[in-house]
């Protein structure tokens, strides 16, 4: 038998009047027919907003497990699990700070400029050496080491064709971590400029593919809404 829930508490800022959206409840006999439940006015918009936040939460979980090894631990104690989770969260925060600095979302002060009086130019991220000297032995120009910034647009109506000049999506936390690792290895002399340029081309290819996939996904969803609306 299904369990009856108490009325939904009032949401701050909502009117006192109520409405009854149809809900389906799970019972031992299966999915029951739609029934009514009392909820304050404005609650439906609130619930939809909360449901829409699931995607960034799932993305955070996926990035934490696939990139930072959140689920790759053998600790059994509560303190050990909390420490591992905290380290994973700090790693994600570091990658987010790097991403936001590259995309000019925030400006971090330089090591010799604690007051932040001389912000760096973040219009285009490049992979040249810190001293400004180009290493031309690999025949790689600075253009090959540029990282396109910004975010690709999404369709505004269903069935809208994908533009051929669609740019890459915004840098994700996972992609930012890959680029930061490449930059560190190049700075340490572990990879050449040619290898760095090759990895950056693959990074751009991934972001372009993700932009096209997102475009077609949004277009299909908008078309489905138009057809059923």
Protein backbone atom coordinates (compact mmCIF):
# COMPACT_ATOMS: atom_id res chain seq x y z
CA UNK A 1 0.00 0.00 0.00
CA UNK A 2 1.18 3.50 -0.71
CA UNK A 3 2.43 5.83 2.02
CA UNK A 4 0.60 9.13 2.32
CA UNK A 5 2.91 12.09 2.76
CA UNK A 6 2.00 15.18 4.81
CA UNK A 7 1.13 18.38 2.94
CA UNK A 8 4.07 20.17 1.41
CA UNK A 9 5.27 22.98 3.73
CA UNK A 10 4.87 26.53 2.54
CA UNK A 11 7.77 27.88 0.48
CA UNK A 12 9.08 31.32 1.44
CA UNK A 13 7.67 33.96 -0.88
CA UNK A 14 4.79 31.82 -2.14
CA UNK A 15 1.14 32.72 -1.84
CA UNK A 16 -1.06 31.05 0.71
CA UNK A 17 -3.46 29.69 -1.91
CA UNK A 18 -2.92 26.07 -2.98
CA UNK A 19 -3.31 24.06 -6.13
CA UNK A 20 -3.43 20.31 -6.72
CA UNK A 21 -0.98 19.04 -9.35
CA UNK A 22 -1.50 15.39 -10.36
CA UNK A 23 1.08 13.00 -8.94
CA UNK A 24 1.59 9.27 -9.30
CA UNK A 25 2.62 7.23 -6.31
CA UNK A 26 4.43 3.93 -6.13
CA UNK A 27 2.65 1.20 -4.21
CA UNK A 28 3.07 -2.51 -3.69
CA UNK A 29 0.57 -3.14 -6.50
CA UNK A 30 2.54 -1.00 -8.96
CA UNK A 31 2.18 2.54 -10.20
CA UNK A 32 -1.13 3.99 -9.09
CA UNK A 33 -3.33 6.25 -11.21
CA UNK A 34 -2.72 10.00 -10.99
CA UNK A 35 -3.93 11.47 -7.72
CA UNK A 36 -4.14 14.94 -6.27
CA UNK A 37 -1.90 16.40 -3.63
CA UNK A 38 -2.02 19.77 -1.95
CA UNK A 39 0.93 22.10 -2.50
CA UNK A 40 1.33 25.86 -2.06
CA UNK A 41 1.05 28.07 -5.11
CA UNK A 42 4.43 28.53 -6.74
CA UNK A 43 5.69 25.17 -5.54
CA UNK A 44 5.68 23.68 -9.05
CA UNK A 45 8.18 26.28 -10.28
CA UNK A 46 10.27 25.65 -7.18
CA UNK A 47 10.26 21.88 -7.76
CA UNK A 48 11.21 22.32 -11.43
CA UNK A 49 14.08 24.60 -10.43
CA UNK A 50 15.38 22.05 -7.95
CA UNK A 51 15.05 19.25 -10.50
CA UNK A 52 17.03 21.29 -13.01
CA UNK A 53 19.95 21.43 -10.60
CA UNK A 54 20.43 17.69 -10.82
CA UNK A 55 22.56 17.96 -13.96
CA UNK A 56 25.40 19.99 -12.40
CA UNK A 57 25.29 17.73 -9.35
CA UNK A 58 25.61 14.61 -11.51
CA UNK A 59 28.41 16.28 -13.50
CA UNK A 60 30.26 17.02 -10.27
CA UNK A 61 29.93 13.40 -9.16
CA UNK A 62 31.10 12.10 -12.54
CA UNK A 63 34.10 14.44 -12.65
CA UNK A 64 35.05 13.63 -9.08
CA UNK A 65 35.02 9.90 -9.76
CA UNK A 66 36.47 9.79 -13.29
CA UNK A 67 39.07 12.56 -13.04
CA UNK A 68 40.00 12.92 -9.37
CA UNK A 69 39.52 9.35 -8.16
CA UNK A 70 36.77 10.05 -5.65
CA UNK A 71 35.63 6.41 -5.74
CA UNK A 72 39.16 4.97 -5.95
CA UNK A 73 39.86 4.51 -2.27
CA UNK A 74 40.05 1.53 0.05
CA UNK A 75 39.64 3.36 3.34
CA UNK A 76 37.02 2.00 5.70
CA UNK A 77 36.98 4.48 8.56
CA UNK A 78 34.70 7.49 8.68
CA UNK A 79 37.62 9.89 9.10
CA UNK A 80 39.45 8.36 6.14
CA UNK A 81 36.41 8.69 3.88
CA UNK A 82 35.93 12.31 4.94
CA UNK A 83 39.59 13.13 4.30
CA UNK A 84 39.51 11.53 0.85
CA UNK A 85 36.28 13.36 -0.02
CA UNK A 86 37.76 16.67 1.16
CA UNK A 87 40.89 16.19 -0.93
CA UNK A 88 38.77 15.37 -3.98
CA UNK A 89 36.64 18.47 -3.43
CA UNK A 90 39.75 20.64 -3.06
CA UNK A 91 41.12 19.23 -6.32
CA UNK A 92 37.88 20.14 -8.08
CA UNK A 93 37.94 23.63 -6.57
CA UNK A 94 41.51 24.10 -7.80
CA UNK A 95 40.51 23.04 -11.31
CA UNK A 96 37.48 25.34 -11.19
CA UNK A 97 39.72 28.26 -10.14
CA UNK A 98 42.09 27.52 -13.02
CA UNK A 99 39.18 27.31 -15.48
CA UNK A 100 37.62 30.54 -14.25
CA UNK A 101 40.98 32.30 -14.43
CA UNK A 102 41.55 31.16 -18.01
CA UNK A 103 38.06 32.23 -19.07
CA UNK A 104 38.35 35.56 -17.21
CA UNK A 105 35.65 34.54 -14.76
CA UNK A 106 37.97 35.49 -11.90
CA UNK A 107 41.44 37.03 -11.74
CA UNK A 108 44.01 35.52 -9.41
CA UNK A 109 47.00 37.64 -8.31
CA UNK A 110 50.43 36.59 -9.51
CA UNK A 111 52.93 35.07 -7.10
CA UNK A 112 54.96 38.32 -6.98
CA UNK A 113 51.85 40.51 -7.01
CA UNK A 114 49.85 39.63 -3.87
CA UNK A 115 47.75 42.77 -4.11
CA UNK A 116 46.52 41.80 -7.57
CA UNK A 117 47.38 45.17 -9.04
CA UNK A 118 48.62 43.73 -12.33
CA UNK A 119 46.07 41.18 -13.57
CA UNK A 120 47.19 38.98 -16.38
CA UNK A 121 45.62 38.98 -19.84
CA UNK A 122 43.17 36.07 -20.02
CA UNK A 123 41.65 36.87 -23.41
CA UNK A 124 43.37 33.88 -25.03
CA UNK A 125 45.19 31.11 -23.25
CA UNK A 126 48.49 30.10 -24.81
CA UNK A 127 51.10 27.49 -24.04
CA UNK A 128 54.33 29.42 -24.57
CA UNK A 129 57.17 29.39 -22.10
CA UNK A 130 57.03 31.62 -19.05
CA UNK A 131 60.11 33.58 -20.12
CA UNK A 132 58.52 34.38 -23.50
CA UNK A 133 61.16 32.56 -25.55
CA UNK A 134 59.80 30.41 -28.34
CA UNK A 135 61.21 26.95 -28.80
CA UNK A 136 61.23 26.62 -32.59
CA UNK A 137 63.00 23.27 -32.83
CA UNK A 138 59.63 21.51 -33.17
CA UNK A 139 58.36 23.97 -35.80
CA UNK A 140 55.26 24.80 -33.72
CA UNK A 141 53.92 28.34 -33.66
CA UNK A 142 52.09 30.05 -30.82
CA UNK A 143 48.87 29.79 -32.83
CA UNK A 144 49.05 26.01 -32.46
CA UNK A 145 49.21 26.42 -28.68
CA UNK A 146 46.15 28.64 -28.28
CA UNK A 147 43.12 27.44 -26.31
CA UNK A 148 39.80 28.82 -27.65
CA UNK A 149 37.65 30.25 -24.88
CA UNK A 150 33.96 31.06 -24.67
CA UNK A 151 30.97 28.76 -25.05
CA UNK A 152 29.08 27.54 -28.10
CA UNK A 153 25.43 28.61 -28.46
CA UNK A 154 22.44 26.27 -28.31
CA UNK A 155 19.41 26.19 -30.63
CA UNK A 156 16.40 28.35 -29.83
CA UNK A 157 13.85 26.20 -31.68
CA UNK A 158 13.39 22.56 -32.56
CA UNK A 159 14.85 21.36 -35.82
CA UNK A 160 17.19 24.33 -36.13
CA UNK A 161 20.18 23.21 -38.26
CA UNK A 162 23.58 23.15 -36.65
CA UNK A 163 25.79 25.96 -38.01
CA UNK A 164 29.00 24.70 -39.63
CA UNK A 165 31.09 27.32 -37.80
CA UNK A 166 29.86 26.23 -34.36
CA UNK A 167 32.61 26.80 -31.81
CA UNK A 168 33.68 24.59 -28.90
CA UNK A 169 31.85 24.34 -25.61
CA UNK A 170 33.06 26.03 -22.46
CA UNK A 171 36.05 24.47 -20.74
CA UNK A 172 34.86 21.79 -18.35
CA UNK A 173 36.55 20.88 -15.09
CA UNK A 174 37.80 17.62 -16.61
CA UNK A 175 39.23 19.35 -19.68
CA UNK A 176 40.80 22.06 -17.53
CA UNK A 177 42.53 19.37 -15.48
CA UNK A 178 43.93 17.77 -18.62
CA UNK A 179 45.21 21.13 -19.87
CA UNK A 180 46.76 21.98 -16.51
CA UNK A 181 48.56 18.63 -16.49
CA UNK A 182 49.84 19.24 -20.01
CA UNK A 183 51.07 22.72 -19.06
CA UNK A 184 52.87 21.36 -16.01
CA UNK A 185 54.55 18.61 -18.02
CA UNK A 186 55.61 21.07 -20.70
CA UNK A 187 57.01 23.46 -18.10
CA UNK A 188 59.02 20.61 -16.57
CA UNK A 189 60.39 19.68 -20.00
CA UNK A 190 58.67 16.28 -20.05
CA UNK A 191 56.92 16.88 -23.38
CA UNK A 192 57.89 18.90 -26.44
CA UNK A 193 55.97 21.75 -28.02
CA UNK A 194 54.93 19.43 -30.83
CA UNK A 195 53.45 16.96 -28.34
CA UNK A 196 51.71 19.80 -26.51
CA UNK A 197 50.25 21.14 -29.77
CA UNK A 198 49.05 17.63 -30.68
CA UNK A 199 47.27 17.28 -27.31
CA UNK A 200 45.69 20.72 -27.67
CA UNK A 201 44.33 19.82 -31.10
CA UNK A 202 42.68 16.74 -29.60
CA UNK A 203 41.27 18.90 -26.80
CA UNK A 204 39.72 21.24 -29.36
CA UNK A 205 38.34 18.27 -31.31
CA UNK A 206 36.64 16.94 -28.16
CA UNK A 207 35.08 20.30 -27.34
CA UNK A 208 33.83 20.79 -30.91
CA UNK A 209 32.28 17.33 -30.91
CA UNK A 210 30.61 18.01 -27.55
CA UNK A 211 29.23 21.30 -28.88
CA UNK A 212 27.66 19.59 -31.89
CA UNK A 213 26.27 16.78 -29.75
CA UNK A 214 24.73 19.28 -27.34
CA UNK A 215 23.23 21.25 -30.22
CA UNK A 216 21.49 18.20 -31.69
CA UNK A 217 20.34 17.06 -28.24
CA UNK A 218 18.75 20.43 -27.47
CA UNK A 219 17.21 20.59 -30.95
CA UNK A 220 15.65 17.16 -30.54
CA UNK A 221 14.24 18.00 -27.12
CA UNK A 222 12.81 21.31 -28.35
CA UNK A 223 11.25 19.54 -31.34
CA UNK A 224 9.64 16.98 -29.04
CA UNK A 225 8.21 19.74 -26.85
CA UNK A 226 6.85 21.54 -29.93
CA UNK A 227 5.24 18.38 -31.29
CA UNK A 228 3.54 17.51 -27.99
CA UNK A 229 2.64 21.09 -27.11
